[in-house]
N, C-alpha and C. Protein backbone atom coordinates (compact mmCIF):
# COMPACT_ATOMS: atom_id res chain seq x y z
N UNK A 1 -7.01 33.24 28.05
CA UNK A 1 -5.92 32.28 28.17
C UNK A 1 -4.60 32.97 27.82
N UNK A 2 -3.62 32.77 28.64
CA UNK A 2 -2.30 33.39 28.45
C UNK A 2 -1.51 32.63 27.38
N UNK A 3 -0.97 33.33 26.39
CA UNK A 3 -0.18 32.63 25.37
C UNK A 3 1.12 32.07 25.95
N UNK A 4 1.62 31.04 25.28
CA UNK A 4 2.88 30.42 25.72
C UNK A 4 4.04 31.38 25.51
N UNK A 5 4.98 31.39 26.40
CA UNK A 5 6.12 32.31 26.29
C UNK A 5 7.15 31.82 25.26
N UNK A 6 6.75 31.84 23.99
CA UNK A 6 7.61 31.32 22.93
C UNK A 6 8.88 32.16 22.79
N UNK A 7 8.75 33.48 22.90
CA UNK A 7 9.92 34.34 22.76
C UNK A 7 10.93 34.09 23.87
N UNK A 8 10.44 33.94 25.10
CA UNK A 8 11.34 33.69 26.23
C UNK A 8 12.04 32.35 26.08
N UNK A 9 11.29 31.35 25.61
CA UNK A 9 11.90 30.03 25.40
C UNK A 9 12.96 30.08 24.31
N UNK A 10 12.71 30.86 23.27
CA UNK A 10 13.70 31.00 22.19
C UNK A 10 14.98 31.65 22.71
N UNK A 11 14.83 32.64 23.60
CA UNK A 11 16.01 33.28 24.18
C UNK A 11 16.80 32.31 25.05
N UNK A 12 16.11 31.50 25.83
CA UNK A 12 16.77 30.51 26.68
C UNK A 12 17.47 29.48 25.81
N UNK A 13 16.79 29.02 24.75
CA UNK A 13 17.40 28.06 23.84
C UNK A 13 18.65 28.65 23.17
N UNK A 14 18.59 29.93 22.82
CA UNK A 14 19.75 30.59 22.20
C UNK A 14 20.93 30.67 23.15
N UNK A 15 20.66 31.03 24.40
CA UNK A 15 21.72 31.09 25.41
C UNK A 15 22.31 29.71 25.64
N UNK A 16 21.45 28.71 25.81
CA UNK A 16 21.92 27.34 26.02
C UNK A 16 22.74 26.86 24.82
N UNK A 17 22.31 27.25 23.61
CA UNK A 17 23.04 26.87 22.40
C UNK A 17 24.43 27.47 22.35
N UNK A 18 24.53 28.74 22.76
CA UNK A 18 25.86 29.38 22.78
C UNK A 18 26.78 28.71 23.80
N UNK A 19 26.26 28.41 24.96
CA UNK A 19 27.06 27.71 25.99
C UNK A 19 27.48 26.34 25.46
N UNK A 20 26.55 25.67 24.84
CA UNK A 20 26.82 24.34 24.29
C UNK A 20 27.93 24.38 23.25
N UNK A 21 27.88 25.36 22.37
CA UNK A 21 28.92 25.49 21.34
C UNK A 21 30.28 25.76 21.97
N UNK A 22 30.34 26.64 22.99
CA UNK A 22 31.61 26.93 23.64
C UNK A 22 32.16 25.71 24.38
N UNK A 23 31.30 24.94 24.99
CA UNK A 23 31.75 23.71 25.66
C UNK A 23 32.34 22.76 24.63
N UNK A 24 31.69 22.64 23.48
CA UNK A 24 32.22 21.78 22.41
C UNK A 24 33.57 22.27 21.91
N UNK A 25 33.68 23.57 21.72
CA UNK A 25 34.95 24.15 21.26
C UNK A 25 36.06 23.90 22.28
N UNK A 26 35.76 24.13 23.55
CA UNK A 26 36.77 23.91 24.59
C UNK A 26 37.16 22.44 24.70
N UNK A 27 36.17 21.54 24.63
CA UNK A 27 36.48 20.12 24.68
C UNK A 27 37.33 19.69 23.49
N UNK A 28 36.99 20.19 22.31
CA UNK A 28 37.76 19.84 21.12
C UNK A 28 39.18 20.39 21.22
N UNK A 29 39.31 21.61 21.72
CA UNK A 29 40.65 22.18 21.92
C UNK A 29 41.46 21.36 22.92
N UNK A 30 40.80 20.96 24.01
CA UNK A 30 41.47 20.11 25.00
C UNK A 30 41.89 18.78 24.36
N UNK A 31 40.99 18.17 23.60
CA UNK A 31 41.27 16.89 22.97
C UNK A 31 42.48 16.98 22.05
N UNK A 32 42.49 17.99 21.21
CA UNK A 32 43.60 18.16 20.26
C UNK A 32 44.90 18.46 21.01
N UNK A 33 44.85 19.38 21.96
CA UNK A 33 46.05 19.74 22.71
C UNK A 33 46.60 18.60 23.53
N UNK A 34 45.73 17.87 24.22
CA UNK A 34 46.19 16.77 25.06
C UNK A 34 46.71 15.61 24.21
N UNK A 35 46.05 15.33 23.07
CA UNK A 35 46.54 14.27 22.17
C UNK A 35 47.92 14.64 21.63
N UNK A 36 48.09 15.89 21.27
CA UNK A 36 49.39 16.35 20.77
C UNK A 36 50.45 16.23 21.87
N UNK A 37 50.10 16.62 23.09
CA UNK A 37 51.04 16.47 24.21
C UNK A 37 51.43 15.02 24.42
N UNK A 38 50.46 14.12 24.36
CA UNK A 38 50.75 12.69 24.53
C UNK A 38 51.70 12.20 23.44
N UNK A 39 51.46 12.62 22.21
CA UNK A 39 52.32 12.19 21.09
C UNK A 39 53.74 12.71 21.30
N UNK A 40 53.88 13.98 21.66
CA UNK A 40 55.22 14.56 21.89
C UNK A 40 55.92 13.85 23.04
N UNK A 41 55.21 13.63 24.13
CA UNK A 41 55.82 12.96 25.29
C UNK A 41 56.26 11.55 24.94
N UNK A 42 55.45 10.83 24.19
CA UNK A 42 55.81 9.45 23.84
C UNK A 42 56.95 9.38 22.85
N UNK A 43 56.90 10.20 21.82
CA UNK A 43 57.89 10.10 20.75
C UNK A 43 59.24 10.73 21.08
N UNK A 44 59.23 11.80 21.87
CA UNK A 44 60.48 12.51 22.12
C UNK A 44 61.04 12.28 23.51
N UNK A 45 60.21 11.89 24.45
CA UNK A 45 60.68 11.73 25.82
C UNK A 45 60.43 10.34 26.38
N UNK A 46 59.88 9.43 25.56
CA UNK A 46 59.58 8.05 25.96
C UNK A 46 58.80 7.99 27.27
N UNK A 47 57.86 8.86 27.41
CA UNK A 47 57.02 8.89 28.60
C UNK A 47 55.61 9.31 28.18
N UNK A 48 54.77 9.57 29.10
CA UNK A 48 53.40 10.02 28.82
C UNK A 48 52.55 9.78 30.05
N UNK A 49 51.34 10.21 29.98
CA UNK A 49 50.41 10.00 31.08
C UNK A 49 49.78 8.63 30.93
N UNK A 50 49.83 7.83 31.97
CA UNK A 50 49.26 6.48 31.93
C UNK A 50 47.76 6.55 31.67
N UNK A 51 47.12 7.53 32.24
CA UNK A 51 45.68 7.68 32.13
C UNK A 51 45.27 8.49 30.92
N UNK A 52 46.22 8.91 30.11
CA UNK A 52 45.95 9.80 28.98
C UNK A 52 45.02 9.20 27.93
N UNK A 53 45.22 7.94 27.60
CA UNK A 53 44.37 7.33 26.57
C UNK A 53 42.92 7.24 27.03
N UNK A 54 42.72 6.94 28.29
CA UNK A 54 41.36 6.88 28.83
C UNK A 54 40.70 8.26 28.80
N UNK A 55 41.44 9.28 29.15
CA UNK A 55 40.90 10.65 29.10
C UNK A 55 40.52 11.01 27.66
N UNK A 56 41.36 10.66 26.72
CA UNK A 56 41.07 10.98 25.32
C UNK A 56 39.84 10.22 24.82
N UNK A 57 39.72 8.94 25.18
CA UNK A 57 38.55 8.17 24.76
C UNK A 57 37.27 8.78 25.31
N UNK A 58 37.29 9.16 26.57
CA UNK A 58 36.08 9.74 27.16
C UNK A 58 35.81 11.15 26.64
N UNK A 59 36.86 11.86 26.28
CA UNK A 59 36.66 13.18 25.66
C UNK A 59 35.96 13.03 24.31
N UNK A 60 36.34 12.01 23.56
CA UNK A 60 35.68 11.75 22.27
C UNK A 60 34.21 11.43 22.50
N UNK A 61 33.91 10.64 23.53
CA UNK A 61 32.52 10.33 23.86
C UNK A 61 31.74 11.60 24.17
N UNK A 62 32.31 12.46 25.00
CA UNK A 62 31.64 13.69 25.39
C UNK A 62 31.40 14.58 24.17
N UNK A 63 32.41 14.73 23.33
CA UNK A 63 32.26 15.55 22.13
C UNK A 63 31.19 14.96 21.22
N UNK A 64 31.18 13.64 21.07
CA UNK A 64 30.20 12.99 20.21
C UNK A 64 28.78 13.20 20.70
N UNK A 65 28.56 12.98 21.98
CA UNK A 65 27.21 13.11 22.51
C UNK A 65 26.75 14.56 22.59
N UNK A 66 27.64 15.45 22.96
CA UNK A 66 27.26 16.87 22.96
C UNK A 66 27.05 17.37 21.53
N UNK A 67 27.84 16.86 20.60
CA UNK A 67 27.66 17.21 19.19
C UNK A 67 26.34 16.70 18.64
N UNK A 68 25.94 15.51 19.06
CA UNK A 68 24.65 14.97 18.65
C UNK A 68 23.51 15.82 19.20
N UNK A 69 23.63 16.25 20.44
CA UNK A 69 22.62 17.12 21.03
C UNK A 69 22.57 18.46 20.29
N UNK A 70 23.74 18.97 19.93
CA UNK A 70 23.79 20.24 19.19
C UNK A 70 23.19 20.08 17.79
N UNK A 71 23.48 18.95 17.14
CA UNK A 71 22.92 18.69 15.81
C UNK A 71 21.39 18.63 15.88
N UNK A 72 20.87 18.09 16.97
CA UNK A 72 19.43 18.05 17.16
C UNK A 72 18.88 19.47 17.26
N UNK A 73 19.58 20.33 17.96
CA UNK A 73 19.13 21.72 18.12
C UNK A 73 19.08 22.44 16.78
N UNK A 74 20.02 22.15 15.91
CA UNK A 74 20.10 22.81 14.61
C UNK A 74 19.34 22.06 13.53
N UNK A 75 18.64 20.99 13.93
CA UNK A 75 17.86 20.16 13.01
C UNK A 75 18.74 19.56 11.91
N UNK A 76 19.97 19.22 12.27
CA UNK A 76 20.92 18.63 11.33
C UNK A 76 21.28 17.20 11.72
N UNK A 77 20.44 16.59 12.53
CA UNK A 77 20.70 15.23 12.98
C UNK A 77 20.30 14.24 11.89
N UNK A 78 20.75 13.02 12.04
CA UNK A 78 20.41 11.98 11.08
C UNK A 78 18.96 11.58 11.30
N UNK A 79 18.20 11.56 10.22
CA UNK A 79 16.82 11.10 10.32
C UNK A 79 16.38 10.54 8.99
N UNK A 80 15.34 9.74 9.07
CA UNK A 80 14.80 9.10 7.88
C UNK A 80 13.56 9.89 7.47
N UNK A 81 13.58 10.45 6.29
CA UNK A 81 12.48 11.29 5.82
C UNK A 81 11.62 10.54 4.81
N UNK A 82 11.11 9.40 5.21
CA UNK A 82 10.26 8.63 4.32
C UNK A 82 8.83 9.16 4.32
N UNK A 83 8.30 9.49 5.50
CA UNK A 83 6.91 9.93 5.59
C UNK A 83 6.60 11.17 4.76
N UNK A 84 7.43 12.21 4.79
CA UNK A 84 7.10 13.39 3.97
C UNK A 84 7.04 13.09 2.47
N UNK A 85 7.73 12.06 2.05
CA UNK A 85 7.72 11.72 0.62
C UNK A 85 6.46 10.95 0.23
N UNK A 86 5.86 10.28 1.22
CA UNK A 86 4.68 9.47 0.94
C UNK A 86 3.37 10.25 0.99
N UNK A 87 3.35 11.34 1.75
CA UNK A 87 2.12 12.10 1.96
C UNK A 87 2.18 13.44 1.23
N UNK A 88 1.01 14.05 1.00
CA UNK A 88 1.00 15.35 0.32
C UNK A 88 1.73 16.42 1.14
N UNK A 89 2.18 17.45 0.46
CA UNK A 89 2.97 18.49 1.12
C UNK A 89 2.18 19.31 2.12
N UNK A 90 0.83 19.36 2.01
CA UNK A 90 0.06 20.14 2.96
C UNK A 90 -0.04 19.47 4.33
N UNK A 91 0.42 18.23 4.44
CA UNK A 91 0.42 17.54 5.74
C UNK A 91 1.81 17.56 6.38
N UNK A 92 2.71 18.37 5.87
CA UNK A 92 4.09 18.39 6.36
C UNK A 92 4.17 18.74 7.84
N UNK A 93 3.34 19.67 8.30
CA UNK A 93 3.37 20.07 9.72
C UNK A 93 2.96 18.94 10.63
N UNK A 94 1.94 18.21 10.27
CA UNK A 94 1.47 17.09 11.07
C UNK A 94 2.51 15.98 11.09
N UNK A 95 3.08 15.71 9.93
CA UNK A 95 4.11 14.67 9.84
C UNK A 95 5.32 15.04 10.69
N UNK A 96 5.72 16.30 10.65
CA UNK A 96 6.86 16.76 11.45
C UNK A 96 6.58 16.56 12.94
N UNK A 97 5.35 16.84 13.37
CA UNK A 97 4.99 16.64 14.78
C UNK A 97 5.06 15.16 15.13
N UNK A 98 4.56 14.30 14.26
CA UNK A 98 4.57 12.86 14.53
C UNK A 98 6.01 12.35 14.60
N UNK A 99 6.84 12.78 13.67
CA UNK A 99 8.25 12.34 13.67
C UNK A 99 8.98 12.84 14.92
N UNK A 100 8.76 14.09 15.28
CA UNK A 100 9.39 14.63 16.49
C UNK A 100 8.88 13.95 17.75
N UNK A 101 7.59 13.61 17.77
CA UNK A 101 7.04 12.89 18.92
C UNK A 101 7.67 11.51 19.04
N UNK A 102 7.82 10.82 17.92
CA UNK A 102 8.47 9.51 17.93
C UNK A 102 9.92 9.65 18.40
N UNK A 103 10.62 10.66 17.90
CA UNK A 103 12.01 10.89 18.30
C UNK A 103 12.11 11.19 19.78
N UNK A 104 11.14 11.93 20.31
CA UNK A 104 11.11 12.25 21.74
C UNK A 104 10.92 10.97 22.55
N UNK A 105 10.02 10.11 22.11
CA UNK A 105 9.76 8.85 22.82
C UNK A 105 11.00 7.96 22.80
N UNK A 106 11.67 7.88 21.66
CA UNK A 106 12.92 7.10 21.57
C UNK A 106 13.97 7.68 22.50
N UNK A 107 14.09 9.00 22.53
CA UNK A 107 15.05 9.65 23.43
C UNK A 107 14.73 9.36 24.89
N UNK A 108 13.44 9.35 25.23
CA UNK A 108 13.05 9.03 26.61
C UNK A 108 13.43 7.59 26.96
N UNK A 109 13.25 6.68 26.02
CA UNK A 109 13.64 5.29 26.26
C UNK A 109 15.16 5.19 26.44
N UNK A 110 15.90 5.97 25.66
CA UNK A 110 17.36 5.96 25.77
C UNK A 110 17.84 6.60 27.07
N UNK A 111 17.08 7.58 27.59
CA UNK A 111 17.41 8.15 28.89
C UNK A 111 17.32 7.06 29.95
N UNK A 112 16.25 6.31 29.91
CA UNK A 112 16.05 5.24 30.89
C UNK A 112 17.17 4.20 30.78
N UNK A 113 17.46 3.77 29.56
CA UNK A 113 18.51 2.74 29.37
C UNK A 113 19.87 3.26 29.80
N UNK A 114 20.19 4.49 29.44
CA UNK A 114 21.51 5.02 29.79
C UNK A 114 21.61 5.30 31.28
N UNK A 115 20.52 5.72 31.90
CA UNK A 115 20.54 5.93 33.35
C UNK A 115 20.74 4.60 34.08
N UNK A 116 20.12 3.53 33.58
CA UNK A 116 20.33 2.20 34.17
C UNK A 116 21.79 1.79 34.02
N UNK A 117 22.35 2.06 32.86
CA UNK A 117 23.76 1.72 32.61
C UNK A 117 24.68 2.48 33.57
N UNK A 118 24.45 3.78 33.71
CA UNK A 118 25.28 4.59 34.60
C UNK A 118 25.10 4.14 36.05
N UNK A 119 23.88 3.82 36.44
CA UNK A 119 23.62 3.35 37.81
C UNK A 119 24.36 2.04 38.09
N UNK A 120 24.36 1.14 37.11
CA UNK A 120 25.10 -0.12 37.28
C UNK A 120 26.60 0.12 37.40
N UNK A 121 27.11 1.06 36.62
CA UNK A 121 28.53 1.40 36.72
C UNK A 121 28.85 2.02 38.07
N UNK A 122 27.92 2.80 38.60
CA UNK A 122 28.12 3.42 39.91
C UNK A 122 28.18 2.35 40.99
N UNK A 123 27.28 1.37 40.90
CA UNK A 123 27.29 0.28 41.88
C UNK A 123 28.54 -0.58 41.76
N UNK A 124 29.05 -0.73 40.54
CA UNK A 124 30.25 -1.53 40.34
C UNK A 124 31.48 -0.87 40.94
N UNK A 125 31.48 0.46 41.00
CA UNK A 125 32.60 1.18 41.62
C UNK A 125 33.87 1.19 40.80
N UNK A 126 33.75 1.02 39.49
CA UNK A 126 34.91 1.00 38.61
C UNK A 126 35.53 2.40 38.53
N UNK A 127 36.84 2.44 38.54
CA UNK A 127 37.56 3.71 38.41
C UNK A 127 38.06 3.85 36.98
N UNK A 128 37.90 5.04 36.42
CA UNK A 128 38.36 5.30 35.06
C UNK A 128 39.87 5.54 35.05
N UNK A 129 40.30 6.44 35.88
CA UNK A 129 41.72 6.74 36.05
C UNK A 129 41.87 7.46 37.37
N UNK A 130 42.97 7.25 38.03
CA UNK A 130 43.18 7.86 39.34
C UNK A 130 42.05 7.48 40.28
N UNK A 131 41.48 8.46 40.93
CA UNK A 131 40.35 8.21 41.83
C UNK A 131 39.03 8.65 41.20
N UNK A 132 39.00 8.81 39.89
CA UNK A 132 37.79 9.25 39.18
C UNK A 132 36.91 8.06 38.86
N UNK A 133 35.70 8.03 39.43
CA UNK A 133 34.78 6.93 39.10
C UNK A 133 34.37 6.98 37.63
N UNK A 134 34.24 5.82 37.04
CA UNK A 134 33.88 5.73 35.63
C UNK A 134 32.51 6.32 35.35
N UNK A 135 31.60 6.18 36.29
CA UNK A 135 30.24 6.66 36.05
C UNK A 135 30.19 8.18 35.92
N UNK A 136 31.12 8.90 36.51
CA UNK A 136 31.15 10.36 36.36
C UNK A 136 31.34 10.73 34.89
N UNK A 137 32.15 9.95 34.20
CA UNK A 137 32.43 10.24 32.80
C UNK A 137 31.30 9.76 31.89
N UNK A 138 30.53 8.78 32.35
CA UNK A 138 29.46 8.23 31.53
C UNK A 138 28.13 8.95 31.74
N UNK A 139 28.08 9.91 32.62
CA UNK A 139 26.85 10.66 32.87
C UNK A 139 26.44 11.49 31.64
N UNK A 140 27.34 11.60 30.68
CA UNK A 140 27.01 12.31 29.44
C UNK A 140 25.92 11.59 28.67
N UNK A 141 25.81 10.28 28.81
CA UNK A 141 24.78 9.52 28.08
C UNK A 141 23.37 9.99 28.45
N UNK A 142 22.97 9.88 29.72
CA UNK A 142 21.61 10.34 30.03
C UNK A 142 21.44 11.85 29.86
N UNK A 143 22.50 12.61 30.10
CA UNK A 143 22.40 14.06 29.93
C UNK A 143 22.07 14.43 28.49
N UNK A 144 22.82 13.87 27.55
CA UNK A 144 22.61 14.24 26.15
C UNK A 144 21.26 13.74 25.64
N UNK A 145 20.83 12.55 26.07
CA UNK A 145 19.52 12.07 25.65
C UNK A 145 18.40 12.93 26.26
N UNK A 146 18.63 13.44 27.46
CA UNK A 146 17.65 14.35 28.07
C UNK A 146 17.55 15.64 27.28
N UNK A 147 18.69 16.18 26.90
CA UNK A 147 18.69 17.41 26.08
C UNK A 147 17.96 17.16 24.77
N UNK A 148 18.22 16.02 24.13
CA UNK A 148 17.55 15.70 22.87
C UNK A 148 16.05 15.53 23.07
N UNK A 149 15.65 14.84 24.15
CA UNK A 149 14.22 14.63 24.41
C UNK A 149 13.52 15.97 24.63
N UNK A 150 14.15 16.86 25.37
CA UNK A 150 13.55 18.18 25.61
C UNK A 150 13.42 18.94 24.29
N UNK A 151 14.42 18.86 23.45
CA UNK A 151 14.36 19.57 22.17
C UNK A 151 13.27 18.99 21.27
N UNK A 152 13.20 17.66 21.20
CA UNK A 152 12.14 17.06 20.38
C UNK A 152 10.77 17.38 20.97
N UNK A 153 10.66 17.33 22.29
CA UNK A 153 9.40 17.65 22.94
C UNK A 153 8.97 19.08 22.68
N UNK A 154 9.92 20.00 22.74
CA UNK A 154 9.57 21.40 22.47
C UNK A 154 9.17 21.58 21.01
N UNK A 155 9.77 20.83 20.11
CA UNK A 155 9.37 20.90 18.70
C UNK A 155 7.94 20.39 18.51
N UNK A 156 7.60 19.35 19.28
CA UNK A 156 6.23 18.84 19.21
C UNK A 156 5.26 19.93 19.65
N UNK A 157 5.56 20.57 20.78
CA UNK A 157 4.68 21.63 21.29
C UNK A 157 4.60 22.79 20.29
N UNK A 158 5.74 23.24 19.78
CA UNK A 158 5.74 24.34 18.81
C UNK A 158 5.00 23.95 17.53
N UNK A 159 5.17 22.70 17.11
CA UNK A 159 4.48 22.22 15.91
C UNK A 159 2.98 22.20 16.09
N UNK A 160 2.53 21.76 17.26
CA UNK A 160 1.09 21.74 17.54
C UNK A 160 0.55 23.17 17.58
N UNK A 161 1.29 24.07 18.21
CA UNK A 161 0.88 25.48 18.25
C UNK A 161 0.77 26.04 16.84
N UNK A 162 1.76 25.73 16.02
CA UNK A 162 1.76 26.23 14.64
C UNK A 162 0.59 25.67 13.85
N UNK A 163 0.30 24.39 14.04
CA UNK A 163 -0.82 23.78 13.33
C UNK A 163 -2.15 24.38 13.78
N UNK A 164 -2.31 24.53 15.11
CA UNK A 164 -3.57 25.07 15.62
C UNK A 164 -3.75 26.53 15.23
N UNK A 165 -2.67 27.31 15.23
CA UNK A 165 -2.77 28.71 14.80
C UNK A 165 -3.14 28.78 13.33
N UNK A 166 -2.56 27.88 12.54
CA UNK A 166 -2.89 27.84 11.12
C UNK A 166 -4.33 27.45 10.89
N UNK A 167 -4.84 26.51 11.69
CA UNK A 167 -6.23 26.09 11.55
C UNK A 167 -7.16 27.20 11.98
N UNK A 168 -6.79 27.94 13.03
CA UNK A 168 -7.63 29.05 13.51
C UNK A 168 -7.66 30.20 12.50
N UNK A 169 -6.52 30.45 11.88
CA UNK A 169 -6.47 31.53 10.89
C UNK A 169 -7.26 31.18 9.64
N UNK A 170 -7.41 29.88 9.35
CA UNK A 170 -8.14 29.44 8.18
C UNK A 170 -9.64 29.45 8.38
N UNK A 171 -10.10 29.63 9.63
CA UNK A 171 -11.54 29.67 9.90
C UNK A 171 -12.14 30.97 9.41
N UNK A 172 -13.41 30.94 8.94
CA UNK A 172 -14.05 32.19 8.47
C UNK A 172 -14.39 33.12 9.61
């Protein structure tokens, strides 16, 4: 049986993580720069971009959802750690797999809900600003939940591999 390409997956995850961080940095730079431009235009020139507030609101959404996906990658997301406190420490691997599996299932449910939301917005034909459809900006919802589901799913697989390798090594 051929072993799983764990090293190759780690390299892909690392590359994706670097791209993700740069996208976050660029979005945050854009958000700060554009907000500053709006403030200067309003306060000193009594003008501004009519669509500017909408762009800033959606930029905050994008940064928030991409940041949540990044926090999931670094295992720094918000979670409730009640189960590890209730069970012995030697079951930590199994509990981690169960928690990650539950998180993956919740993320899958959120993908479905957010995709339905975006589809409804697409049918409504609402424009965010100019000729930009609102659903283009809201596609971050299903995208980020998909990234989170994949990350939780991969943790489940890695956790099961780790548990089975540990059980095999413990055999006489």
